[in-house]
Amino acid sequence: MSMLTPPGMGGKYRVTGAAYPRMSRRRSRRRIVLAALGSFLALALLGYGTLQLIGVFRGDAPRDTASGNCPTATPGTARGGPAAPGAVPAAAPGASGAPTPAVALPQPGQITVNVYNATPRAGLAKAVGDELRKRGFVIGNVGNAPADFDKKVLGTGILLGSPKTDKAAFAVLGTQLAGAEQQNDARESADIDLILGDAFKELTAKPDADKALAALADPRPAPARSC
């Protein structure tokens, strides 16, 4: 009998050999799951770190995600490239924080408008002239368009004036008729002809025209594009 066999026990309970048999412990399923999760996280962190290193070596500009700011390039340079020879940096509008100054525009009462009808519709020039007078414009001649334009204007209208006429006067009158084409002739006076064409239906609604005038007088810089 082996010395490992307790006294009084024999037969099938007899233990042979020089050591007690070692029972293998069952591996916990929870430990297996945790080990697999830890390995996955380690691989994910390793991959993220590798991508960051690649971005650094490629010279990609970081984005300030906390403040929402986009990376900015030096004026006069292309992204990732050197400055062009002789390039002068341009100041961004409103960069100093000062409000954009209002533009001095002529008032409608300072603009004389001649209204001419180049369409077959009778009485159109008078009706448009009366409406422009209500909006503050000075109305000059009213009648049918000259032979050079009569029945030959396919668009909504033409603004015709001297090359010396203030461009702002064209812009102010243009707010009253969207799509009007601007042209010049040889006149010396500052009055402007409004020649109504076949596509004309009505003047721009006064609330919309007033908004357009306000936008001309107080231009705002375009909003910065997002990344």
C-alpha atoms as a PDB file:
ATOM      1  CA  MET A   1       0.000   0.000   0.000  1.00  0.00           C
ATOM      2  CA  SER A   2       1.219   3.380  -0.828  1.00  0.00           C
ATOM      3  CA  MET A   3       2.007   5.800   1.912  1.00  0.00           C
ATOM      4  CA  LEU A   4      -0.434   8.267   0.278  1.00  0.00           C
ATOM      5  CA  THR A   5      -3.366   5.981   0.992  1.00  0.00           C
ATOM      6  CA  PRO A   6      -5.129   6.945   4.249  1.00  0.00           C
ATOM      7  CA  PRO A   7      -5.217   4.215   6.856  1.00  0.00           C
ATOM      8  CA  GLY A   8      -8.152   1.902   6.553  1.00  0.00           C
ATOM      9  CA  MET A   9      -8.750   2.652   2.950  1.00  0.00           C
ATOM     10  CA  GLY A  10      -7.870   0.286   0.235  1.00  0.00           C
ATOM     11  CA  GLY A  11      -9.260  -1.384  -2.774  1.00  0.00           C
ATOM     12  CA  LYS A  12     -10.733   1.101  -5.187  1.00  0.00           C
ATOM     13  CA  TYR A  13      -9.825   3.974  -2.841  1.00  0.00           C
ATOM     14  CA  ARG A  14      -6.188   3.076  -2.899  1.00  0.00           C
ATOM     15  CA  VAL A  15      -3.941   5.863  -4.137  1.00  0.00           C
ATOM     16  CA  THR A  16      -0.842   4.860  -5.930  1.00  0.00           C
ATOM     17  CA  GLY A  17       2.115   6.936  -6.866  1.00  0.00           C
ATOM     18  CA  ALA A  18       4.298   9.431  -5.073  1.00  0.00           C
ATOM     19  CA  ALA A  19       2.056  12.578  -5.270  1.00  0.00           C
ATOM     20  CA  TYR A  20      -1.544  13.606  -4.876  1.00  0.00           C
ATOM     21  CA  PRO A  21      -3.406  13.982  -8.185  1.00  0.00           C
ATOM     22  CA  ARG A  22      -3.768  17.647  -9.145  1.00  0.00           C
ATOM     23  CA  MET A  23      -7.267  18.781 -10.193  1.00  0.00           C
ATOM     24  CA  SER A  24      -7.279  21.315 -13.019  1.00  0.00           C
ATOM     25  CA  ARG A  25      -9.380  24.419 -12.274  1.00  0.00           C
ATOM     26  CA  ARG A  26     -12.037  25.314 -14.759  1.00  0.00           C
ATOM     27  CA  ARG A  27     -11.183  28.598 -16.495  1.00  0.00           C
ATOM     28  CA  SER A  28     -13.717  31.290 -15.772  1.00  0.00           C
ATOM     29  CA  ARG A  29     -15.780  32.457 -18.762  1.00  0.00           C
ATOM     30  CA  ARG A  30     -15.777  35.988 -17.354  1.00  0.00           C
ATOM     31  CA  ARG A  31     -11.976  36.083 -17.411  1.00  0.00           C
ATOM     32  CA  ILE A  32     -11.966  34.963 -21.035  1.00  0.00           C
ATOM     33  CA  VAL A  33     -14.384  37.726 -22.046  1.00  0.00           C
ATOM     34  CA  LEU A  34     -12.395  40.378 -20.177  1.00  0.00           C
ATOM     35  CA  ALA A  35      -9.151  39.206 -21.736  1.00  0.00           C
ATOM     36  CA  ALA A  36     -10.655  39.366 -25.233  1.00  0.00           C
ATOM     37  CA  LEU A  37     -12.052  42.866 -24.580  1.00  0.00           C
ATOM     38  CA  GLY A  38      -8.688  44.075 -23.293  1.00  0.00           C
ATOM     39  CA  SER A  39      -6.949  42.774 -26.394  1.00  0.00           C
ATOM     40  CA  PHE A  40      -9.468  44.552 -28.644  1.00  0.00           C
ATOM     41  CA  LEU A  41      -8.999  47.885 -26.843  1.00  0.00           C
ATOM     42  CA  ALA A  42      -5.231  47.561 -27.014  1.00  0.00           C
ATOM     43  CA  LEU A  43      -5.369  46.977 -30.773  1.00  0.00           C
ATOM     44  CA  ALA A  44      -7.727  49.949 -31.235  1.00  0.00           C
ATOM     45  CA  LEU A  45      -5.440  52.298 -29.297  1.00  0.00           C
ATOM     46  CA  LEU A  46      -2.451  51.060 -31.253  1.00  0.00           C
ATOM     47  CA  GLY A  47      -4.216  51.728 -34.563  1.00  0.00           C
ATOM     48  CA  TYR A  48      -5.316  55.244 -33.482  1.00  0.00           C
ATOM     49  CA  GLY A  49      -1.773  56.107 -32.414  1.00  0.00           C
ATOM     50  CA  THR A  50      -0.457  54.917 -35.762  1.00  0.00           C
ATOM     51  CA  LEU A  51      -2.914  57.169 -37.630  1.00  0.00           C
ATOM     52  CA  GLN A  52      -1.876  60.165 -35.526  1.00  0.00           C
ATOM     53  CA  LEU A  53       1.782  59.566 -36.315  1.00  0.00           C
ATOM     54  CA  ILE A  54       1.003  59.299 -40.026  1.00  0.00           C
ATOM     55  CA  GLY A  55      -0.863  62.628 -39.865  1.00  0.00           C
ATOM     56  CA  VAL A  56       2.074  64.322 -38.149  1.00  0.00           C
ATOM     57  CA  PHE A  57       4.570  63.125 -40.748  1.00  0.00           C
ATOM     58  CA  ARG A  58       2.255  64.177 -43.588  1.00  0.00           C
ATOM     59  CA  GLY A  59       1.984  67.695 -42.162  1.00  0.00           C
ATOM     60  CA  ASP A  60      -1.813  67.781 -41.830  1.00  0.00           C
ATOM     61  CA  ALA A  61      -2.980  70.835 -39.864  1.00  0.00           C
ATOM     62  CA  PRO A  62      -4.858  69.932 -36.684  1.00  0.00           C
ATOM     63  CA  ARG A  63      -8.441  71.024 -36.293  1.00  0.00           C
ATOM     64  CA  ASP A  64      -9.600  72.742 -33.148  1.00  0.00           C
ATOM     65  CA  THR A  65     -12.679  70.634 -32.523  1.00  0.00           C
ATOM     66  CA  ALA A  66     -13.311  72.139 -29.110  1.00  0.00           C
ATOM     67  CA  SER A  67     -13.809  75.693 -30.376  1.00  0.00           C
ATOM     68  CA  GLY A  68     -15.034  74.792 -33.877  1.00  0.00           C
ATOM     69  CA  ASN A  69     -12.233  76.758 -35.548  1.00  0.00           C
ATOM     70  CA  CYS A  70     -10.903  75.609 -38.891  1.00  0.00           C
ATOM     71  CA  PRO A  71      -7.192  75.533 -39.700  1.00  0.00           C
ATOM     72  CA  THR A  72      -6.208  78.676 -41.524  1.00  0.00           C
ATOM     73  CA  ALA A  73      -3.556  79.044 -44.172  1.00  0.00           C
ATOM     74  CA  THR A  74      -1.190  81.979 -44.398  1.00  0.00           C
ATOM     75  CA  PRO A  75      -2.580  84.593 -46.840  1.00  0.00           C
ATOM     76  CA  GLY A  76      -0.961  84.376 -50.267  1.00  0.00           C
ATOM     77  CA  THR A  77       0.007  80.725 -49.858  1.00  0.00           C
ATOM     78  CA  ALA A  78      -1.552  77.538 -51.058  1.00  0.00           C
ATOM     79  CA  ARG A  79      -2.311  74.897 -48.481  1.00  0.00           C
ATOM     80  CA  GLY A  80       0.860  73.040 -47.779  1.00  0.00           C
ATOM     81  CA  GLY A  81       2.832  75.100 -50.329  1.00  0.00           C
ATOM     82  CA  PRO A  82       5.207  78.076 -50.254  1.00  0.00           C
ATOM     83  CA  ALA A  83       4.075  81.643 -50.821  1.00  0.00           C
ATOM     84  CA  ALA A  84       3.887  82.792 -54.432  1.00  0.00           C
ATOM     85  CA  PRO A  85       6.629  85.269 -55.445  1.00  0.00           C
ATOM     86  CA  GLY A  86       5.473  88.845 -54.946  1.00  0.00           C
ATOM     87  CA  ALA A  87       2.182  87.828 -53.358  1.00  0.00           C
ATOM     88  CA  VAL A  88       0.679  90.437 -51.043  1.00  0.00           C
ATOM     89  CA  PRO A  89      -1.425  89.151 -48.142  1.00  0.00           C
ATOM     90  CA  ALA A  90      -4.987  90.416 -48.337  1.00  0.00           C
ATOM     91  CA  ALA A  91      -6.718  91.570 -45.175  1.00  0.00           C
ATOM     92  CA  ALA A  92      -9.830  89.626 -44.346  1.00  0.00           C
ATOM     93  CA  PRO A  93     -12.988  91.763 -44.280  1.00  0.00           C
ATOM     94  CA  GLY A  94     -13.877  92.664 -40.743  1.00  0.00           C
ATOM     95  CA  ALA A  95     -10.736  90.982 -39.391  1.00  0.00           C
ATOM     96  CA  SER A  96     -10.100  93.884 -37.002  1.00  0.00           C
ATOM     97  CA  GLY A  97     -13.537  93.462 -35.502  1.00  0.00           C
ATOM     98  CA  ALA A  98     -14.670  96.914 -36.720  1.00  0.00           C
ATOM     99  CA  PRO A  99     -18.107  97.030 -38.391  1.00  0.00           C
ATOM    100  CA  THR A 100     -18.182  97.295 -42.167  1.00  0.00           C
ATOM    101  CA  PRO A 101     -18.766 100.959 -43.097  1.00  0.00           C
ATOM    102  CA  ALA A 102     -22.057 101.765 -44.819  1.00  0.00           C
ATOM    103  CA  VAL A 103     -21.929 102.672 -48.523  1.00  0.00           C
ATOM    104  CA  ALA A 104     -23.140 106.159 -49.491  1.00  0.00           C
ATOM    105  CA  LEU A 105     -25.927 105.615 -52.038  1.00  0.00           C
ATOM    106  CA  PRO A 106     -27.946 108.252 -53.873  1.00  0.00           C
ATOM    107  CA  GLN A 107     -31.494 108.574 -52.620  1.00  0.00           C
ATOM    108  CA  PRO A 108     -34.320 107.711 -55.047  1.00  0.00           C
ATOM    109  CA  GLY A 109     -35.227 111.411 -55.039  1.00  0.00           C
ATOM    110  CA  GLN A 110     -31.830 112.156 -56.585  1.00  0.00           C
ATOM    111  CA  ILE A 111     -32.366 109.813 -59.547  1.00  0.00           C
ATOM    112  CA  THR A 112     -34.370 110.892 -62.604  1.00  0.00           C
ATOM    113  CA  VAL A 113     -35.931 107.966 -64.459  1.00  0.00           C
ATOM    114  CA  ASN A 114     -37.425 108.033 -67.957  1.00  0.00           C
ATOM    115  CA  VAL A 115     -39.864 105.149 -68.413  1.00  0.00           C
ATOM    116  CA  TYR A 116     -40.337 103.736 -71.901  1.00  0.00           C
ATOM    117  CA  ASN A 117     -42.547 100.880 -73.062  1.00  0.00           C
ATOM    118  CA  ALA A 118     -41.042  98.522 -75.655  1.00  0.00           C
ATOM    119  CA  THR A 119     -43.958  96.046 -75.442  1.00  0.00           C
ATOM    120  CA  PRO A 120     -47.356  95.977 -77.235  1.00  0.00           C
ATOM    121  CA  ARG A 121     -49.157  96.538 -73.899  1.00  0.00           C
ATOM    122  CA  ALA A 122     -50.760  99.952 -73.779  1.00  0.00           C
ATOM    123  CA  GLY A 123     -50.340 102.174 -70.731  1.00  0.00           C
ATOM    124  CA  LEU A 124     -47.500 100.113 -69.233  1.00  0.00           C
ATOM    125  CA  ALA A 125     -44.962 102.961 -69.075  1.00  0.00           C
ATOM    126  CA  LYS A 126     -47.399 105.258 -67.233  1.00  0.00           C
ATOM    127  CA  ALA A 127     -48.340 102.593 -64.687  1.00  0.00           C
ATOM    128  CA  VAL A 128     -44.692 101.794 -63.924  1.00  0.00           C
ATOM    129  CA  GLY A 129     -43.782 105.480 -63.783  1.00  0.00           C
ATOM    130  CA  ASP A 130     -46.563 106.172 -61.281  1.00  0.00           C
ATOM    131  CA  GLU A 131     -45.365 103.313 -59.054  1.00  0.00           C
ATOM    132  CA  LEU A 132     -41.739 104.478 -59.157  1.00  0.00           C
ATOM    133  CA  ARG A 133     -42.889 107.998 -58.264  1.00  0.00           C
ATOM    134  CA  LYS A 134     -44.619 106.559 -55.190  1.00  0.00           C
ATOM    135  CA  ARG A 135     -41.318 104.945 -54.233  1.00  0.00           C
ATOM    136  CA  GLY A 136     -39.552 108.298 -54.288  1.00  0.00           C
ATOM    137  CA  PHE A 137     -37.941 108.415 -57.749  1.00  0.00           C
ATOM    138  CA  VAL A 138     -38.126 111.493 -59.959  1.00  0.00           C
ATOM    139  CA  ILE A 139     -39.969 110.597 -63.165  1.00  0.00           C
ATOM    140  CA  GLY A 140     -38.969 112.329 -66.406  1.00  0.00           C
ATOM    141  CA  ASN A 141     -40.254 111.274 -69.834  1.00  0.00           C
ATOM    142  CA  VAL A 142     -42.903 108.554 -70.099  1.00  0.00           C
ATOM    143  CA  GLY A 143     -43.997 106.924 -73.370  1.00  0.00           C
ATOM    144  CA  ASN A 144     -43.175 104.359 -76.022  1.00  0.00           C
ATOM    145  CA  ALA A 145     -39.582 103.192 -76.479  1.00  0.00           C
ATOM    146  CA  PRO A 146     -37.420 104.627 -79.287  1.00  0.00           C
ATOM    147  CA  ALA A 147     -37.337 102.723 -82.576  1.00  0.00           C
ATOM    148  CA  ASP A 148     -33.995 101.120 -81.675  1.00  0.00           C
ATOM    149  CA  PHE A 149     -35.676  99.317 -78.765  1.00  0.00           C
ATOM    150  CA  ASP A 150     -39.387  99.165 -79.610  1.00  0.00           C
ATOM    151  CA  LYS A 151     -40.553  95.510 -79.730  1.00  0.00           C
ATOM    152  CA  LYS A 152     -36.907  94.423 -79.542  1.00  0.00           C
ATOM    153  CA  VAL A 153     -36.365  93.961 -75.799  1.00  0.00           C
ATOM    154  CA  LEU A 154     -36.944  90.325 -74.899  1.00  0.00           C
ATOM    155  CA  GLY A 155     -35.919  90.515 -71.222  1.00  0.00           C
ATOM    156  CA  THR A 156     -37.591  92.279 -68.316  1.00  0.00           C
ATOM    157  CA  GLY A 157     -36.010  95.613 -69.127  1.00  0.00           C
ATOM    158  CA  ILE A 158     -32.946  97.729 -69.843  1.00  0.00           C
ATOM    159  CA  LEU A 159     -31.354 100.459 -67.730  1.00  0.00           C
ATOM    160  CA  LEU A 160     -29.845 102.897 -70.212  1.00  0.00           C
ATOM    161  CA  GLY A 161     -27.642 105.804 -69.163  1.00  0.00           C
ATOM    162  CA  SER A 162     -24.417 107.713 -69.668  1.00  0.00           C
ATOM    163  CA  PRO A 163     -21.043 106.046 -69.001  1.00  0.00           C
ATOM    164  CA  LYS A 164     -20.448 108.908 -66.556  1.00  0.00           C
ATOM    165  CA  THR A 165     -23.579 108.114 -64.553  1.00  0.00           C
ATOM    166  CA  ASP A 166     -22.822 107.007 -61.014  1.00  0.00           C
ATOM    167  CA  LYS A 167     -22.859 103.209 -60.898  1.00  0.00           C
ATOM    168  CA  ALA A 168     -24.610 103.421 -57.546  1.00  0.00           C
ATOM    169  CA  ALA A 169     -27.572 105.122 -59.251  1.00  0.00           C
ATOM    170  CA  PHE A 170     -27.887 102.137 -61.594  1.00  0.00           C
ATOM    171  CA  ALA A 171     -27.724  99.810 -58.595  1.00  0.00           C
ATOM    172  CA  VAL A 172     -30.443 101.700 -56.695  1.00  0.00           C
ATOM    173  CA  LEU A 173     -32.807 101.698 -59.680  1.00  0.00           C
ATOM    174  CA  GLY A 174     -31.920  98.061 -60.394  1.00  0.00           C
ATOM    175  CA  THR A 175     -33.355  97.012 -57.019  1.00  0.00           C
ATOM    176  CA  GLN A 176     -36.802  97.936 -58.372  1.00  0.00           C
ATOM    177  CA  LEU A 177     -36.640  95.546 -61.337  1.00  0.00           C
ATOM    178  CA  ALA A 178     -34.806  92.252 -60.984  1.00  0.00           C
ATOM    179  CA  GLY A 179     -32.996  91.047 -64.094  1.00  0.00           C
ATOM    180  CA  ALA A 180     -32.808  94.429 -65.826  1.00  0.00           C
ATOM    181  CA  GLU A 181     -29.806  94.748 -68.151  1.00  0.00           C
ATOM    182  CA  GLN A 182     -27.517  97.787 -67.881  1.00  0.00           C
ATOM    183  CA  GLN A 183     -26.360  99.602 -71.026  1.00  0.00           C
ATOM    184  CA  ASN A 184     -24.751 102.934 -71.890  1.00  0.00           C
ATOM    185  CA  ASP A 185     -25.278 105.455 -74.649  1.00  0.00           C
ATOM    186  CA  ALA A 186     -23.728 108.778 -75.667  1.00  0.00           C
ATOM    187  CA  ARG A 187     -25.838 111.071 -73.468  1.00  0.00           C
ATOM    188  CA  GLU A 188     -24.180 113.544 -71.140  1.00  0.00           C
ATOM    189  CA  SER A 189     -27.001 113.894 -68.619  1.00  0.00           C
ATOM    190  CA  ALA A 190     -27.320 111.826 -65.447  1.00  0.00           C
ATOM    191  CA  ASP A 191     -30.893 110.611 -66.072  1.00  0.00           C
ATOM    192  CA  ILE A 192     -31.521 106.896 -66.628  1.00  0.00           C
ATOM    193  CA  ASP A 193     -33.962 105.291 -69.078  1.00  0.00           C
ATOM    194  CA  LEU A 194     -35.966 102.310 -67.890  1.00  0.00           C
ATOM    195  CA  ILE A 195     -37.058 100.459 -71.033  1.00  0.00           C
ATOM    196  CA  LEU A 196     -39.639  97.759 -70.282  1.00  0.00           C
ATOM    197  CA  GLY A 197     -39.271  94.502 -72.242  1.00  0.00           C
ATOM    198  CA  ASP A 198     -41.489  91.586 -73.223  1.00  0.00           C
ATOM    199  CA  ALA A 199     -40.633  89.546 -70.103  1.00  0.00           C
ATOM    200  CA  PHE A 200     -41.701  92.363 -67.755  1.00  0.00           C
ATOM    201  CA  LYS A 201     -44.567  91.471 -65.443  1.00  0.00           C
ATOM    202  CA  GLU A 202     -44.275  93.902 -62.546  1.00  0.00           C
ATOM    203  CA  LEU A 203     -41.746  95.816 -60.495  1.00  0.00           C
ATOM    204  CA  THR A 204     -40.052  94.087 -57.581  1.00  0.00           C
ATOM    205  CA  ALA A 205     -42.386  94.120 -54.575  1.00  0.00           C
ATOM    206  CA  LYS A 206     -41.643  97.165 -52.450  1.00  0.00           C
ATOM    207  CA  PRO A 207     -40.697  95.201 -49.270  1.00  0.00           C
ATOM    208  CA  ASP A 208     -38.192  93.141 -51.278  1.00  0.00           C
ATOM    209  CA  ALA A 209     -36.853  96.244 -53.041  1.00  0.00           C
ATOM    210  CA  ASP A 210     -36.406  97.974 -49.664  1.00  0.00           C
ATOM    211  CA  LYS A 211     -34.456  94.973 -48.363  1.00  0.00           C
ATOM    212  CA  ALA A 212     -32.234  95.054 -51.450  1.00  0.00           C
ATOM    213  CA  LEU A 213     -31.601  98.775 -50.923  1.00  0.00           C
ATOM    214  CA  ALA A 214     -30.693  98.159 -47.275  1.00  0.00           C
ATOM    215  CA  ALA A 215     -28.272  95.423 -48.323  1.00  0.00           C
ATOM    216  CA  LEU A 216     -26.610  97.809 -50.784  1.00  0.00           C
ATOM    217  CA  ALA A 217     -26.240 100.512 -48.150  1.00  0.00           C
ATOM    218  CA  ASP A 218     -24.901  98.182 -45.448  1.00  0.00           C
ATOM    219  CA  PRO A 219     -22.993  95.295 -47.071  1.00  0.00           C
ATOM    220  CA  ARG A 220     -22.004  92.431 -44.814  1.00  0.00           C
ATOM    221  CA  PRO A 221     -19.013  90.141 -45.369  1.00  0.00           C
ATOM    222  CA  ALA A 222     -19.859  86.622 -46.461  1.00  0.00           C
ATOM    223  CA  PRO A 223     -19.878  84.111 -43.581  1.00  0.00           C
ATOM    224  CA  ALA A 224     -16.779  81.961 -43.250  1.00  0.00           C
ATOM    225  CA  ARG A 225     -17.249  78.527 -44.690  1.00  0.00           C
ATOM    226  CA  SER A 226     -17.151  75.603 -42.355  1.00  0.00           C
ATOM    227  CA  CYS A 227     -14.489  72.922 -42.566  1.00  0.00           C
END
